Amino acid sequence: SPYFAGRSGAPALLADQVGATNVYSDLQDDWEAVGWETVVDRDPSVLV
């Protein structure tokens, strides 16, 4: 149940600082458990 970063915590701040887009910017919590199918569907160009 992988934990990926949402829109308002530290990783969101990092993404903004480096001019990148967080593919989970619609998630409210700092970290949320997601399904791998959603990660594949959102197809990030880089995985941190």
All heavy atoms as atom14 arrays in JSON, in Angstrom:
{
  "sequence": "SPYFAGRSGAPALLADQVGATNVYSDLQDDWEAVGWETVVDRDPSVLV",
  "atom14_mask": [
    [1, 1, 1, 1, 1, 1, 0, 0, 0, 0, 0, 0, 0, 0],
    [1, 1, 1, 1, 1, 1, 1, 0, 0, 0, 0, 0, 0, 0],
    [1, 1, 1, 1, 1, 1, 1, 1, 1, 1, 1, 1, 0, 0],
    [1, 1, 1, 1, 1, 1, 1, 1, 1, 1, 1, 0, 0, 0],
    [1, 1, 1, 1, 1, 0, 0, 0, 0, 0, 0, 0, 0, 0],
    [1, 1, 1, 1, 0, 0, 0, 0, 0, 0, 0, 0, 0, 0],
    [1, 1, 1, 1, 1, 1, 1, 1, 1, 1, 1, 0, 0, 0],
    [1, 1, 1, 1, 1, 1, 0, 0, 0, 0, 0, 0, 0, 0],
    [1, 1, 1, 1, 0, 0, 0, 0, 0, 0, 0, 0, 0, 0],
    [1, 1, 1, 1, 1, 0, 0, 0, 0, 0, 0, 0, 0, 0],
    [1, 1, 1, 1, 1, 1, 1, 0, 0, 0, 0, 0, 0, 0],
    [1, 1, 1, 1, 1, 0, 0, 0, 0, 0, 0, 0, 0, 0],
    [1, 1, 1, 1, 1, 1, 1, 1, 0, 0, 0, 0, 0, 0],
    [1, 1, 1, 1, 1, 1, 1, 1, 0, 0, 0, 0, 0, 0],
    [1, 1, 1, 1, 1, 0, 0, 0, 0, 0, 0, 0, 0, 0],
    [1, 1, 1, 1, 1, 1, 1, 1, 0, 0, 0, 0, 0, 0],
    [1, 1, 1, 1, 1, 1, 1, 1, 1, 0, 0, 0, 0, 0],
    [1, 1, 1, 1, 1, 1, 1, 0, 0, 0, 0, 0, 0, 0],
    [1, 1, 1, 1, 0, 0, 0, 0, 0, 0, 0, 0, 0, 0],
    [1, 1, 1, 1, 1, 0, 0, 0, 0, 0, 0, 0, 0, 0],
    [1, 1, 1, 1, 1, 1, 1, 0, 0, 0, 0, 0, 0, 0],
    [1, 1, 1, 1, 1, 1, 1, 1, 0, 0, 0, 0, 0, 0],
    [1, 1, 1, 1, 1, 1, 1, 0, 0, 0, 0, 0, 0, 0],
    [1, 1, 1, 1, 1, 1, 1, 1, 1, 1, 1, 1, 0, 0],
    [1, 1, 1, 1, 1, 1, 0, 0, 0, 0, 0, 0, 0, 0],
    [1, 1, 1, 1, 1, 1, 1, 1, 0, 0, 0, 0, 0, 0],
    [1, 1, 1, 1, 1, 1, 1, 1, 0, 0, 0, 0, 0, 0],
    [1, 1, 1, 1, 1, 1, 1, 1, 1, 0, 0, 0, 0, 0],
    [1, 1, 1, 1, 1, 1, 1, 1, 0, 0, 0, 0, 0, 0],
    [1, 1, 1, 1, 1, 1, 1, 1, 0, 0, 0, 0, 0, 0],
    [1, 1, 1, 1, 1, 1, 1, 1, 1, 1, 1, 1, 1, 1],
    [1, 1, 1, 1, 1, 1, 1, 1, 1, 0, 0, 0, 0, 0],
    [1, 1, 1, 1, 1, 0, 0, 0, 0, 0, 0, 0, 0, 0],
    [1, 1, 1, 1, 1, 1, 1, 0, 0, 0, 0, 0, 0, 0],
    [1, 1, 1, 1, 0, 0, 0, 0, 0, 0, 0, 0, 0, 0],
    [1, 1, 1, 1, 1, 1, 1, 1, 1, 1, 1, 1, 1, 1],
    [1, 1, 1, 1, 1, 1, 1, 1, 1, 0, 0, 0, 0, 0],
    [1, 1, 1, 1, 1, 1, 1, 0, 0, 0, 0, 0, 0, 0],
    [1, 1, 1, 1, 1, 1, 1, 0, 0, 0, 0, 0, 0, 0],
    [1, 1, 1, 1, 1, 1, 1, 0, 0, 0, 0, 0, 0, 0],
    [1, 1, 1, 1, 1, 1, 1, 1, 0, 0, 0, 0, 0, 0],
    [1, 1, 1, 1, 1, 1, 1, 1, 1, 1, 1, 0, 0, 0],
    [1, 1, 1, 1, 1, 1, 1, 1, 0, 0, 0, 0, 0, 0],
    [1, 1, 1, 1, 1, 1, 1, 0, 0, 0, 0, 0, 0, 0],
    [1, 1, 1, 1, 1, 1, 0, 0, 0, 0, 0, 0, 0, 0],
    [1, 1, 1, 1, 1, 1, 1, 0, 0, 0, 0, 0, 0, 0],
    [1, 1, 1, 1, 1, 1, 1, 1, 0, 0, 0, 0, 0, 0],
    [1, 1, 1, 1, 1, 1, 1, 0, 0, 0, 0, 0, 0, 0]
  ],
  "atom14_positions": [
    [[0.87, -1.18, 0.0], [0.0, 0.0, 0.0], [0.9, 1.22, 0.0], [1.09, 1.86, 1.04], [-0.92, 0.0, 1.23], [-1.76, -1.13, 1.24], [0.0, 0.0, 0.0], [0.0, 0.0, 0.0], [0.0, 0.0, 0.0], [0.0, 0.0, 0.0], [0.0, 0.0, 0.0], [0.0, 0.0, 0.0], [0.0, 0.0, 0.0], [0.0, 0.0, 0.0]],
    [[1.47, 1.54, -1.14], [2.54, 2.56, -1.19], [2.04, 3.94, -0.79], [0.96, 4.37, -1.18], [2.97, 2.54, -2.66], [1.78, 2.04, -3.4], [1.14, 1.03, -2.49], [0.0, 0.0, 0.0], [0.0, 0.0, 0.0], [0.0, 0.0, 0.0], [0.0, 0.0, 0.0], [0.0, 0.0, 0.0], [0.0, 0.0, 0.0], [0.0, 0.0, 0.0]],
    [[2.88, 4.61, -0.01], [2.57, 5.96, 0.43], [3.2, 6.97, -0.52], [4.43, 7.03, -0.65], [3.06, 6.19, 1.86], [2.1, 5.63, 2.88], [2.15, 4.29, 3.25], [1.11, 6.44, 3.45], [1.24, 3.76, 4.17], [0.21, 5.93, 4.37], [0.28, 4.6, 4.72], [-0.62, 4.08, 5.62], [0.0, 0.0, 0.0], [0.0, 0.0, 0.0]],
    [[2.35, 7.75, -1.17], [2.8, 8.8, -2.08], [2.38, 10.17, -1.53], [1.4, 10.29, -0.79], [2.2, 8.59, -3.48], [2.99, 7.62, -4.3], [2.87, 6.25, -4.1], [3.89, 8.06, -5.28], [3.59, 5.34, -4.86], [4.62, 7.18, -6.03], [4.48, 5.8, -5.82], [0.0, 0.0, 0.0], [0.0, 0.0, 0.0], [0.0, 0.0, 0.0]],
    [[3.14, 11.17, -1.89], [2.94, 12.51, -1.34], [1.79, 13.23, -2.02], [1.64, 13.2, -3.24], [4.21, 13.33, -1.5], [0.0, 0.0, 0.0], [0.0, 0.0, 0.0], [0.0, 0.0, 0.0], [0.0, 0.0, 0.0], [0.0, 0.0, 0.0], [0.0, 0.0, 0.0], [0.0, 0.0, 0.0], [0.0, 0.0, 0.0], [0.0, 0.0, 0.0]],
    [[0.98, 13.91, -1.17], [-0.12, 14.71, -1.66], [0.26, 16.15, -1.92], [1.44, 16.47, -2.13], [0.0, 0.0, 0.0], [0.0, 0.0, 0.0], [0.0, 0.0, 0.0], [0.0, 0.0, 0.0], [0.0, 0.0, 0.0], [0.0, 0.0, 0.0], [0.0, 0.0, 0.0], [0.0, 0.0, 0.0], [0.0, 0.0, 0.0], [0.0, 0.0, 0.0]],
    [[-0.7, 17.05, -1.84], [-0.55, 18.39, -2.4], [-0.01, 19.45, -1.46], [0.34, 20.54, -1.93], [-1.9, 18.87, -2.93], [-2.94, 19.13, -1.85], [-4.29, 19.42, -2.46], [-5.32, 19.64, -1.44], [-6.62, 19.52, -1.68], [-7.03, 19.17, -2.89], [-7.5, 19.74, -0.72], [0.0, 0.0, 0.0], [0.0, 0.0, 0.0], [0.0, 0.0, 0.0]],
    [[0.07, 19.17, -0.16], [0.33, 20.28, 0.75], [1.53, 20.12, 1.66], [1.89, 21.05, 2.37], [-0.92, 20.51, 1.64], [-2.03, 20.87, 0.85], [0.0, 0.0, 0.0], [0.0, 0.0, 0.0], [0.0, 0.0, 0.0], [0.0, 0.0, 0.0], [0.0, 0.0, 0.0], [0.0, 0.0, 0.0], [0.0, 0.0, 0.0], [0.0, 0.0, 0.0]],
    [[2.16, 18.94, 1.7], [3.25, 18.7, 2.62], [4.62, 19.05, 2.04], [4.74, 19.8, 1.06], [0.0, 0.0, 0.0], [0.0, 0.0, 0.0], [0.0, 0.0, 0.0], [0.0, 0.0, 0.0], [0.0, 0.0, 0.0], [0.0, 0.0, 0.0], [0.0, 0.0, 0.0], [0.0, 0.0, 0.0], [0.0, 0.0, 0.0], [0.0, 0.0, 0.0]],
    [[5.65, 18.47, 2.65], [7.02, 18.78, 2.27], [7.33, 18.46, 0.81], [7.93, 19.29, 0.11], [7.99, 18.07, 3.2], [0.0, 0.0, 0.0], [0.0, 0.0, 0.0], [0.0, 0.0, 0.0], [0.0, 0.0, 0.0], [0.0, 0.0, 0.0], [0.0, 0.0, 0.0], [0.0, 0.0, 0.0], [0.0, 0.0, 0.0], [0.0, 0.0, 0.0]],
    [[6.96, 17.29, 0.28], [7.26, 17.02, -1.13], [6.58, 17.99, -2.09], [7.17, 18.33, -3.13], [6.75, 15.59, -1.33], [6.84, 14.98, 0.03], [6.45, 16.09, 0.96], [0.0, 0.0, 0.0], [0.0, 0.0, 0.0], [0.0, 0.0, 0.0], [0.0, 0.0, 0.0], [0.0, 0.0, 0.0], [0.0, 0.0, 0.0], [0.0, 0.0, 0.0]],
    [[5.37, 18.41, -1.76], [4.7, 19.4, -2.62], [5.5, 20.7, -2.65], [5.63, 21.34, -3.7], [3.29, 19.66, -2.11], [0.0, 0.0, 0.0], [0.0, 0.0, 0.0], [0.0, 0.0, 0.0], [0.0, 0.0, 0.0], [0.0, 0.0, 0.0], [0.0, 0.0, 0.0], [0.0, 0.0, 0.0], [0.0, 0.0, 0.0], [0.0, 0.0, 0.0]],
    [[6.05, 21.08, -1.5], [6.9, 22.26, -1.44], [8.16, 22.05, -2.28], [8.59, 22.95, -3.01], [7.28, 22.55, 0.02], [8.3, 23.66, 0.28], [7.82, 24.99, -0.26], [8.57, 23.76, 1.78], [0.0, 0.0, 0.0], [0.0, 0.0, 0.0], [0.0, 0.0, 0.0], [0.0, 0.0, 0.0], [0.0, 0.0, 0.0], [0.0, 0.0, 0.0]],
    [[8.73, 20.86, -2.22], [9.92, 20.55, -3.01], [9.62, 20.64, -4.5], [10.4, 21.21, -5.28], [10.42, 19.15, -2.67], [10.96, 18.93, -1.26], [11.32, 17.45, -1.05], [12.18, 19.81, -1.0], [0.0, 0.0, 0.0], [0.0, 0.0, 0.0], [0.0, 0.0, 0.0], [0.0, 0.0, 0.0], [0.0, 0.0, 0.0], [0.0, 0.0, 0.0]],
    [[8.5, 20.06, -4.92], [8.13, 20.1, -6.34], [8.0, 21.54, -6.82], [8.48, 21.88, -7.92], [6.83, 19.33, -6.56], [0.0, 0.0, 0.0], [0.0, 0.0, 0.0], [0.0, 0.0, 0.0], [0.0, 0.0, 0.0], [0.0, 0.0, 0.0], [0.0, 0.0, 0.0], [0.0, 0.0, 0.0], [0.0, 0.0, 0.0], [0.0, 0.0, 0.0]],
    [[7.39, 22.37, -6.01], [7.24, 23.77, -6.38], [8.59, 24.48, -6.48], [8.83, 25.26, -7.4], [6.36, 24.48, -5.33], [6.1, 25.93, -5.68], [5.46, 26.19, -6.71], [6.56, 26.81, -4.93], [0.0, 0.0, 0.0], [0.0, 0.0, 0.0], [0.0, 0.0, 0.0], [0.0, 0.0, 0.0], [0.0, 0.0, 0.0], [0.0, 0.0, 0.0]],
    [[9.5, 24.17, -5.55], [10.81, 24.8, -5.55], [11.62, 24.46, -6.79], [12.39, 25.29, -7.29], [11.6, 24.38, -4.3], [11.06, 24.94, -2.99], [11.37, 26.41, -2.8], [12.31, 26.94, -3.37], [10.57, 27.07, -1.97], [0.0, 0.0, 0.0], [0.0, 0.0, 0.0], [0.0, 0.0, 0.0], [0.0, 0.0, 0.0], [0.0, 0.0, 0.0]],
    [[11.46, 23.24, -7.3], [12.27, 22.83, -8.45], [11.53, 22.95, -9.78], [12.03, 22.55, -10.83], [12.79, 21.39, -8.27], [13.64, 21.28, -7.01], [11.65, 20.37, -8.25], [0.0, 0.0, 0.0], [0.0, 0.0, 0.0], [0.0, 0.0, 0.0], [0.0, 0.0, 0.0], [0.0, 0.0, 0.0], [0.0, 0.0, 0.0], [0.0, 0.0, 0.0]],
    [[10.33, 23.5, -9.76], [9.59, 23.73, -11.0], [9.03, 22.48, -11.63], [8.88, 22.39, -12.85], [0.0, 0.0, 0.0], [0.0, 0.0, 0.0], [0.0, 0.0, 0.0], [0.0, 0.0, 0.0], [0.0, 0.0, 0.0], [0.0, 0.0, 0.0], [0.0, 0.0, 0.0], [0.0, 0.0, 0.0], [0.0, 0.0, 0.0], [0.0, 0.0, 0.0]],
    [[8.7, 21.48, -10.81], [8.11, 20.24, -11.31], [6.66, 20.14, -10.88], [6.19, 20.92, -10.05], [8.89, 19.03, -10.8], [0.0, 0.0, 0.0], [0.0, 0.0, 0.0], [0.0, 0.0, 0.0], [0.0, 0.0, 0.0], [0.0, 0.0, 0.0], [0.0, 0.0, 0.0], [0.0, 0.0, 0.0], [0.0, 0.0, 0.0], [0.0, 0.0, 0.0]],
    [[5.94, 19.18, -11.44], [4.53, 18.97, -11.12], [4.37, 17.66, -10.36], [4.81, 16.6, -10.82], [3.68, 18.9, -12.41], [3.84, 20.11, -13.14], [2.22, 18.69, -12.07], [0.0, 0.0, 0.0], [0.0, 0.0, 0.0], [0.0, 0.0, 0.0], [0.0, 0.0, 0.0], [0.0, 0.0, 0.0], [0.0, 0.0, 0.0], [0.0, 0.0, 0.0]],
    [[3.73, 17.72, -9.2], [3.43, 16.53, -8.42], [2.16, 15.89, -8.98], [1.1, 16.51, -9.0], [3.23, 16.92, -6.95], [2.82, 15.75, -6.08], [2.91, 14.6, -6.47], [2.36, 16.06, -4.87], [0.0, 0.0, 0.0], [0.0, 0.0, 0.0], [0.0, 0.0, 0.0], [0.0, 0.0, 0.0], [0.0, 0.0, 0.0], [0.0, 0.0, 0.0]],
    [[2.27, 14.65, -9.45], [1.11, 14.02, -10.11], [-0.02, 13.72, -9.13], [-1.15, 13.46, -9.56], [1.52, 12.72, -10.84], [2.54, 13.0, -11.93], [2.02, 11.67, -9.87], [0.0, 0.0, 0.0], [0.0, 0.0, 0.0], [0.0, 0.0, 0.0], [0.0, 0.0, 0.0], [0.0, 0.0, 0.0], [0.0, 0.0, 0.0], [0.0, 0.0, 0.0]],
    [[0.27, 13.78, -7.84], [-0.78, 13.56, -6.84], [-1.15, 14.86, -6.14], [-1.47, 14.89, -4.94], [-0.32, 12.52, -5.81], [-0.48, 11.1, -6.29], [0.64, 10.33, -6.59], [-1.73, 10.54, -6.48], [0.51, 9.02, -7.04], [-1.89, 9.24, -6.93], [-0.76, 8.48, -7.21], [-0.91, 7.19, -7.67], [0.0, 0.0, 0.0], [0.0, 0.0, 0.0]],
    [[-1.18, 15.93, -6.88], [-1.53, 17.23, -6.31], [-3.0, 17.34, -5.93], [-3.43, 18.33, -5.33], [-1.17, 18.36, -7.28], [-1.86, 18.2, -8.5], [0.0, 0.0, 0.0], [0.0, 0.0, 0.0], [0.0, 0.0, 0.0], [0.0, 0.0, 0.0], [0.0, 0.0, 0.0], [0.0, 0.0, 0.0], [0.0, 0.0, 0.0], [0.0, 0.0, 0.0]],
    [[-3.79, 16.32, -6.26], [-5.21, 16.32, -5.88], [-5.45, 15.66, -4.53], [-6.56, 15.72, -4.0], [-6.04, 15.62, -6.94], [-5.61, 14.18, -7.17], [-4.37, 13.93, -7.17], [-6.48, 13.31, -7.35], [0.0, 0.0, 0.0], [0.0, 0.0, 0.0], [0.0, 0.0, 0.0], [0.0, 0.0, 0.0], [0.0, 0.0, 0.0], [0.0, 0.0, 0.0]],
    [[-4.42, 15.03, -3.96], [-4.58, 14.37, -2.67], [-4.35, 15.36, -1.54], [-3.37, 16.11, -1.55], [-3.59, 13.21, -2.53], [-3.72, 12.06, -3.54], [-2.73, 10.96, -3.2], [-5.14, 11.52, -3.58], [0.0, 0.0, 0.0], [0.0, 0.0, 0.0], [0.0, 0.0, 0.0], [0.0, 0.0, 0.0], [0.0, 0.0, 0.0], [0.0, 0.0, 0.0]],
    [[-5.25, 15.37, -0.56], [-5.18, 16.38, 0.5], [-4.1, 16.1, 1.52], [-3.39, 17.0, 1.96], [-6.52, 16.49, 1.21], [-6.52, 17.53, 2.34], [-7.9, 17.71, 2.95], [-8.88, 17.22, 2.44], [-7.98, 18.44, 4.04], [0.0, 0.0, 0.0], [0.0, 0.0, 0.0], [0.0, 0.0, 0.0], [0.0, 0.0, 0.0], [0.0, 0.0, 0.0]],
    [[-3.95, 14.83, 1.93], [-3.02, 14.51, 3.0], [-1.57, 14.62, 2.55], [-1.26, 14.48, 1.36], [-3.27, 13.11, 3.53], [-4.59, 12.99, 4.29], [-5.14, 14.04, 4.68], [-5.06, 11.86, 4.49], [0.0, 0.0, 0.0], [0.0, 0.0, 0.0], [0.0, 0.0, 0.0], [0.0, 0.0, 0.0], [0.0, 0.0, 0.0], [0.0, 0.0, 0.0]],
    [[-0.68, 14.86, 3.54], [0.75, 14.91, 3.21], [1.2, 13.63, 2.53], [1.97, 13.65, 1.57], [1.57, 15.12, 4.49], [1.47, 16.53, 5.04], [0.6, 17.3, 4.56], [2.25, 16.88, 5.94], [0.0, 0.0, 0.0], [0.0, 0.0, 0.0], [0.0, 0.0, 0.0], [0.0, 0.0, 0.0], [0.0, 0.0, 0.0], [0.0, 0.0, 0.0]],
    [[0.74, 12.49, 3.06], [1.04, 11.18, 2.48], [-0.23, 10.34, 2.49], [-0.94, 10.33, 3.48], [2.13, 10.46, 3.28], [3.45, 11.17, 3.29], [3.92, 12.03, 4.24], [4.46, 11.11, 2.28], [5.15, 12.49, 3.9], [5.52, 11.95, 2.7], [4.57, 10.41, 1.07], [6.68, 12.11, 1.94], [5.72, 10.57, 0.32], [6.76, 11.42, 0.75]],
    [[-0.49, 9.66, 1.38], [-1.66, 8.79, 1.3], [-1.28, 7.47, 0.67], [-0.44, 7.4, -0.23], [-2.78, 9.44, 0.49], [-3.45, 10.62, 1.19], [-4.76, 11.02, 0.53], [-5.39, 10.14, -0.11], [-5.16, 12.18, 0.65], [0.0, 0.0, 0.0], [0.0, 0.0, 0.0], [0.0, 0.0, 0.0], [0.0, 0.0, 0.0], [0.0, 0.0, 0.0]],
    [[-1.92, 6.4, 1.16], [-1.75, 5.08, 0.55], [-2.58, 5.03, -0.74], [-3.76, 5.38, -0.74], [-2.2, 3.99, 1.51], [0.0, 0.0, 0.0], [0.0, 0.0, 0.0], [0.0, 0.0, 0.0], [0.0, 0.0, 0.0], [0.0, 0.0, 0.0], [0.0, 0.0, 0.0], [0.0, 0.0, 0.0], [0.0, 0.0, 0.0], [0.0, 0.0, 0.0]],
    [[-1.94, 4.64, -1.82], [-2.61, 4.59, -3.13], [-2.42, 3.21, -3.74], [-1.65, 2.39, -3.25], [-2.04, 5.67, -4.09], [-2.17, 7.06, -3.48], [-0.59, 5.39, -4.44], [0.0, 0.0, 0.0], [0.0, 0.0, 0.0], [0.0, 0.0, 0.0], [0.0, 0.0, 0.0], [0.0, 0.0, 0.0], [0.0, 0.0, 0.0], [0.0, 0.0, 0.0]],
    [[-3.14, 2.94, -4.82], [-2.96, 1.7, -5.56], [-1.97, 1.89, -6.69], [-1.87, 2.98, -7.27], [0.0, 0.0, 0.0], [0.0, 0.0, 0.0], [0.0, 0.0, 0.0], [0.0, 0.0, 0.0], [0.0, 0.0, 0.0], [0.0, 0.0, 0.0], [0.0, 0.0, 0.0], [0.0, 0.0, 0.0], [0.0, 0.0, 0.0], [0.0, 0.0, 0.0]],
    [[-1.25, 0.83, -7.02], [-0.23, 0.95, -8.07], [-0.85, 1.26, -9.43], [-0.22, 1.9, -10.28], [0.61, -0.34, -8.15], [1.65, -0.4, -7.06], [1.73, -1.29, -6.04], [2.76, 0.49, -6.91], [2.81, -1.01, -5.24], [3.46, 0.07, -5.76], [3.22, 1.59, -7.62], [4.61, 0.73, -5.3], [4.37, 2.24, -7.18], [5.04, 1.81, -6.04]],
    [[-2.1, 0.85, -9.62], [-2.75, 1.15, -10.9], [-2.88, 2.65, -11.11], [-2.74, 3.15, -12.24], [-4.13, 0.48, -10.97], [-4.09, -1.03, -11.06], [-3.82, -1.7, -9.71], [-3.8, -0.99, -8.68], [-3.62, -2.94, -9.7], [0.0, 0.0, 0.0], [0.0, 0.0, 0.0], [0.0, 0.0, 0.0], [0.0, 0.0, 0.0], [0.0, 0.0, 0.0]],
    [[-3.13, 3.4, -10.02], [-3.26, 4.85, -10.17], [-1.91, 5.49, -10.48], [-1.85, 6.48, -11.2], [-3.85, 5.5, -8.91], [-2.9, 5.47, -7.84], [-5.12, 4.8, -8.47], [0.0, 0.0, 0.0], [0.0, 0.0, 0.0], [0.0, 0.0, 0.0], [0.0, 0.0, 0.0], [0.0, 0.0, 0.0], [0.0, 0.0, 0.0], [0.0, 0.0, 0.0]],
    [[-0.84, 4.93, -9.92], [0.5, 5.46, -10.23], [0.8, 5.27, -11.71], [1.27, 6.19, -12.39], [1.58, 4.76, -9.37], [2.95, 5.38, -9.65], [1.25, 4.85, -7.89], [0.0, 0.0, 0.0], [0.0, 0.0, 0.0], [0.0, 0.0, 0.0], [0.0, 0.0, 0.0], [0.0, 0.0, 0.0], [0.0, 0.0, 0.0], [0.0, 0.0, 0.0]],
    [[0.48, 4.1, -12.21], [0.71, 3.82, -13.64], [-0.15, 4.74, -14.5], [0.31, 5.29, -15.51], [0.41, 2.34, -13.95], [0.48, 2.08, -15.45], [1.39, 1.43, -13.2], [0.0, 0.0, 0.0], [0.0, 0.0, 0.0], [0.0, 0.0, 0.0], [0.0, 0.0, 0.0], [0.0, 0.0, 0.0], [0.0, 0.0, 0.0], [0.0, 0.0, 0.0]],
    [[-1.41, 4.93, -14.11], [-2.31, 5.79, -14.89], [-1.8, 7.23, -14.94], [-1.92, 7.9, -15.98], [-3.72, 5.77, -14.29], [-4.44, 4.46, -14.53], [-4.0, 3.7, -15.41], [-5.44, 4.19, -13.82], [0.0, 0.0, 0.0], [0.0, 0.0, 0.0], [0.0, 0.0, 0.0], [0.0, 0.0, 0.0], [0.0, 0.0, 0.0], [0.0, 0.0, 0.0]],
    [[-1.22, 7.7, -13.85], [-0.75, 9.1, -13.81], [0.61, 9.27, -14.47], [1.0, 10.38, -14.79], [-0.75, 9.6, -12.37], [-2.17, 9.56, -11.79], [-2.29, 10.23, -10.46], [-3.66, 10.06, -9.94], [-4.26, 10.91, -9.15], [-3.65, 12.03, -8.76], [-5.49, 10.7, -8.73], [0.0, 0.0, 0.0], [0.0, 0.0, 0.0], [0.0, 0.0, 0.0]],
    [[1.32, 8.17, -14.64], [2.52, 8.11, -15.47], [3.52, 9.25, -15.2], [3.82, 10.05, -16.09], [2.12, 8.12, -16.95], [3.29, 7.76, -17.86], [4.18, 7.03, -17.41], [3.29, 8.23, -19.01], [0.0, 0.0, 0.0], [0.0, 0.0, 0.0], [0.0, 0.0, 0.0], [0.0, 0.0, 0.0], [0.0, 0.0, 0.0], [0.0, 0.0, 0.0]],
    [[4.03, 9.37, -13.97], [5.03, 10.41, -13.71], [6.27, 10.2, -14.56], [6.68, 9.06, -14.8], [5.33, 10.23, -12.22], [5.01, 8.79, -11.94], [3.83, 8.48, -12.81], [0.0, 0.0, 0.0], [0.0, 0.0, 0.0], [0.0, 0.0, 0.0], [0.0, 0.0, 0.0], [0.0, 0.0, 0.0], [0.0, 0.0, 0.0], [0.0, 0.0, 0.0]],
    [[6.87, 11.28, -15.02], [8.07, 11.13, -15.84], [9.3, 10.84, -15.0], [10.29, 10.31, -15.49], [8.31, 12.39, -16.68], [8.43, 13.54, -15.87], [0.0, 0.0, 0.0], [0.0, 0.0, 0.0], [0.0, 0.0, 0.0], [0.0, 0.0, 0.0], [0.0, 0.0, 0.0], [0.0, 0.0, 0.0], [0.0, 0.0, 0.0], [0.0, 0.0, 0.0]],
    [[9.24, 11.15, -13.68], [10.34, 10.88, -12.76], [9.75, 10.35, -11.45], [8.73, 10.86, -10.98], [11.16, 12.16, -12.47], [12.25, 11.88, -11.44], [11.78, 12.7, -13.75], [0.0, 0.0, 0.0], [0.0, 0.0, 0.0], [0.0, 0.0, 0.0], [0.0, 0.0, 0.0], [0.0, 0.0, 0.0], [0.0, 0.0, 0.0], [0.0, 0.0, 0.0]],
    [[10.39, 9.34, -10.89], [9.99, 8.82, -9.6], [11.03, 9.22, -8.55], [12.23, 8.96, -8.71], [9.89, 7.29, -9.65], [8.67, 6.73, -10.4], [8.85, 5.24, -10.67], [7.39, 6.97, -9.6], [0.0, 0.0, 0.0], [0.0, 0.0, 0.0], [0.0, 0.0, 0.0], [0.0, 0.0, 0.0], [0.0, 0.0, 0.0], [0.0, 0.0, 0.0]],
    [[10.56, 9.88, -7.5], [11.43, 10.25, -6.38], [11.23, 9.2, -5.3], [10.12, 9.03, -4.79], [11.1, 11.66, -5.85], [12.05, 12.02, -4.71], [11.2, 12.68, -6.97], [0.0, 0.0, 0.0], [0.0, 0.0, 0.0], [0.0, 0.0, 0.0], [0.0, 0.0, 0.0], [0.0, 0.0, 0.0], [0.0, 0.0, 0.0], [0.0, 0.0, 0.0]]
  ]
}
